[in-house]
Amino acid sequence: MSQESLSPVAETAVAFGTRLASSQAFKDLFREGMSLVEETAAYLDGPGRNDSRSLDRGPALAYATESMRLTTRLMQLASWLLLQRAVNEGELTQEQAAQEKSKVRLSSVGAPTPQSTLDELPEQLSALIGKAMRLQERIVHMDKLLFAEIAPPTAANAISSQIDLLANAFGARR
């Protein structure tokens, strides 16, 4: 068996993450994320102020906490989206974005809020929280797809190691 026939798979692999990042799916996700940031800001600066004033002490505290969590979550998601857009537009390499991405937290912001507390919040705030959580899930999924390709391998390729064992057993060189 020649060395050319055993060339590494990585050389012929399609960079799925790169295609995904520049796809219409990313553009739609970006637009949706930025629209959600604007929608949330409009609510919190407008009708949300009135909604919060009408709440009792406990729900008002929950409103303040959840609105801060929501804005923090959205700013982190917007940061991630803007980083990826910079990669798509050639302003950053994927590797540079990976370094900058370490400053962005895509994980949950604090402990989950009990459903009973969420039920006391104004309906529009609860809806925005739900949208932000779904957006976060989609971005975390895309992040895993995009940055898995540039992460260093954690274990040897199982197929490659088996081919090496076979080659050694039959005295062939790879």
Protein backbone atom coordinates (compact mmCIF):
# COMPACT_ATOMS: atom_id res chain seq x y z
CA MET A 1 0.00 0.00 0.00
CA SER A 2 1.49 3.34 -1.00
CA GLN A 3 1.79 6.31 1.27
CA GLU A 4 -0.46 8.37 -1.01
CA SER A 5 -3.37 5.98 -0.52
CA LEU A 6 -3.15 6.43 3.25
CA SER A 7 -3.05 10.23 3.27
CA PRO A 8 -4.74 11.83 6.27
CA VAL A 9 -8.46 12.37 6.00
CA ALA A 10 -8.08 15.91 7.34
CA GLU A 11 -6.52 16.98 4.04
CA THR A 12 -9.70 16.12 2.13
CA ALA A 13 -12.27 16.98 4.79
CA VAL A 14 -14.75 19.71 4.03
CA ALA A 15 -14.59 22.64 6.46
CA PHE A 16 -18.24 22.44 7.48
CA GLY A 17 -17.92 25.16 10.11
CA THR A 18 -16.51 27.64 7.62
CA ARG A 19 -19.36 27.03 5.21
CA LEU A 20 -21.90 27.24 8.02
CA ALA A 21 -20.49 30.54 9.28
CA SER A 22 -20.91 32.19 5.89
CA SER A 23 -24.26 30.56 5.15
CA GLN A 24 -27.71 32.09 5.01
CA ALA A 25 -28.44 30.28 8.29
CA PHE A 26 -25.78 32.38 10.04
CA LYS A 27 -27.03 35.57 8.39
CA ASP A 28 -30.56 34.79 9.59
CA LEU A 29 -29.27 34.02 13.09
CA PHE A 30 -27.31 37.28 13.14
CA ARG A 31 -30.34 39.29 12.03
CA GLU A 32 -32.55 37.53 14.58
CA GLY A 33 -30.05 38.15 17.38
CA MET A 34 -29.64 41.84 16.64
CA SER A 35 -33.40 42.27 16.29
CA LEU A 36 -33.89 40.64 19.68
CA VAL A 37 -31.36 43.04 21.23
CA GLU A 38 -33.29 45.99 19.77
CA GLU A 39 -36.69 44.56 20.77
CA THR A 40 -35.48 43.99 24.34
CA ALA A 41 -33.99 47.47 24.64
CA ALA A 42 -37.21 49.03 23.34
CA TYR A 43 -39.28 47.05 25.85
CA LEU A 44 -37.04 47.69 28.86
CA ASP A 45 -36.73 51.42 28.10
CA GLY A 46 -40.45 51.83 27.36
CA PRO A 47 -43.32 49.59 28.37
CA GLY A 48 -41.07 47.58 30.69
CA ARG A 49 -40.53 50.58 32.95
CA ASN A 50 -44.28 50.90 33.44
CA ASP A 51 -44.66 47.14 33.91
CA SER A 52 -41.99 47.07 36.62
CA ARG A 53 -43.61 49.96 38.55
CA SER A 54 -46.86 48.06 38.86
CA LEU A 55 -45.26 44.99 40.48
CA ASP A 56 -45.21 44.11 44.17
CA ARG A 57 -41.87 44.01 45.99
CA GLY A 58 -41.00 40.32 45.30
CA PRO A 59 -41.90 40.31 41.62
CA ALA A 60 -40.23 43.74 41.21
CA LEU A 61 -36.97 42.29 42.54
CA ALA A 62 -37.36 39.32 40.18
CA TYR A 63 -38.02 41.76 37.32
CA ALA A 64 -34.83 43.67 38.08
CA THR A 65 -32.79 40.48 38.35
CA GLU A 66 -34.21 38.89 35.22
CA SER A 67 -33.94 42.05 33.12
CA MET A 68 -30.25 42.33 34.08
CA ARG A 69 -29.69 38.66 33.25
CA LEU A 70 -31.48 39.12 29.96
CA THR A 71 -29.41 42.13 28.92
CA THR A 72 -26.19 40.40 29.99
CA ARG A 73 -27.11 37.29 28.01
CA LEU A 74 -28.00 39.31 24.94
CA MET A 75 -24.78 41.34 25.08
CA GLN A 76 -22.74 38.12 25.23
CA LEU A 77 -24.69 36.63 22.32
CA ALA A 78 -24.37 39.84 20.31
CA SER A 79 -20.62 39.86 20.97
CA TRP A 80 -20.34 36.31 19.63
CA LEU A 81 -22.42 37.17 16.57
CA LEU A 82 -20.33 40.27 15.85
CA LEU A 83 -17.09 38.28 16.20
CA GLN A 84 -18.31 35.69 13.74
CA ARG A 85 -19.49 38.36 11.32
CA ALA A 86 -16.00 39.92 11.50
CA VAL A 87 -14.59 36.53 10.48
CA ASN A 88 -17.07 36.26 7.62
CA GLU A 89 -16.10 39.72 6.38
CA GLY A 90 -12.38 38.96 6.57
CA GLU A 91 -11.66 41.35 9.44
CA LEU A 92 -10.54 38.48 11.72
CA THR A 93 -9.32 34.94 11.16
CA GLN A 94 -11.21 32.10 12.80
CA GLU A 95 -8.20 31.63 15.09
CA GLN A 96 -8.26 35.30 16.15
CA ALA A 97 -11.99 35.03 16.79
CA ALA A 98 -11.37 31.93 18.91
CA GLN A 99 -8.98 33.94 21.08
CA GLU A 100 -11.44 36.82 21.42
CA LYS A 101 -14.29 34.39 22.00
CA SER A 102 -12.66 33.35 25.26
CA LYS A 103 -13.94 36.67 26.67
CA VAL A 104 -17.52 35.83 25.68
CA ARG A 105 -19.60 33.66 27.98
CA LEU A 106 -22.13 31.57 26.13
CA SER A 107 -23.09 29.50 29.13
CA SER A 108 -26.07 30.33 31.30
CA VAL A 109 -26.00 33.50 33.31
CA GLY A 110 -26.35 32.36 36.92
CA ALA A 111 -28.65 29.74 38.34
CA PRO A 112 -31.92 29.09 36.55
CA THR A 113 -34.86 31.11 37.79
CA PRO A 114 -37.70 29.09 39.30
CA GLN A 115 -40.74 28.88 37.04
CA SER A 116 -42.92 30.29 39.84
CA THR A 117 -40.84 33.48 39.78
CA LEU A 118 -40.98 33.69 35.98
CA ASP A 119 -44.76 33.31 36.17
CA GLU A 120 -44.93 36.53 38.25
CA LEU A 121 -43.08 38.57 35.61
CA PRO A 122 -44.83 40.60 32.92
CA GLU A 123 -45.73 38.46 29.92
CA GLN A 124 -43.60 40.45 27.49
CA LEU A 125 -40.46 40.12 29.64
CA SER A 126 -41.05 36.37 29.98
CA ALA A 127 -41.44 36.10 26.20
CA LEU A 128 -38.16 37.98 25.65
CA ILE A 129 -36.38 35.72 28.13
CA GLY A 130 -37.69 32.67 26.27
CA LYS A 131 -36.52 34.04 22.90
CA ALA A 132 -33.09 34.82 24.33
CA MET A 133 -32.75 31.31 25.77
CA ARG A 134 -33.63 29.73 22.41
CA LEU A 135 -31.20 32.05 20.62
CA GLN A 136 -28.51 31.11 23.13
CA GLU A 137 -29.07 27.39 22.48
CA ARG A 138 -28.72 27.90 18.74
CA ILE A 139 -25.58 30.00 19.10
CA VAL A 140 -23.99 27.49 21.49
CA HIS A 141 -24.70 24.75 18.95
CA MET A 142 -23.21 26.78 16.09
CA ASP A 143 -20.22 27.71 18.27
CA LYS A 144 -19.47 24.04 18.88
CA LEU A 145 -19.63 23.33 15.15
CA LEU A 146 -17.44 26.30 14.21
CA PHE A 147 -14.74 26.08 16.82
CA ALA A 148 -14.45 22.29 16.98
CA GLU A 149 -12.52 22.42 13.70
CA ILE A 150 -9.76 24.59 15.10
CA ALA A 151 -9.54 22.96 18.52
CA PRO A 152 -6.48 20.80 19.02
CA PRO A 153 -7.24 17.10 18.83
CA THR A 154 -7.70 15.54 22.24
CA ALA A 155 -7.17 11.94 21.27
CA ALA A 156 -5.52 10.09 18.43
CA ASN A 157 -7.74 9.24 15.49
CA ALA A 158 -9.04 5.73 16.22
CA ILE A 159 -9.03 4.65 12.57
CA SER A 160 -5.54 6.00 11.99
CA SER A 161 -4.20 4.16 15.03
CA GLN A 162 -5.81 0.93 13.80
CA ILE A 163 -4.26 1.39 10.35
CA ASP A 164 -0.89 1.97 12.03
CA LEU A 165 -1.30 -1.26 14.00
CA LEU A 166 -2.14 -3.19 10.83
CA ALA A 167 0.75 -1.61 8.95
CA ASN A 168 3.14 -2.54 11.77
CA ALA A 169 1.77 -6.08 11.95
CA PHE A 170 2.41 -6.63 8.23
CA GLY A 171 5.66 -4.72 8.12
CA ALA A 172 4.33 -1.96 5.88
CA ARG A 173 5.31 1.67 6.34
CA ARG A 174 2.83 4.50 6.46
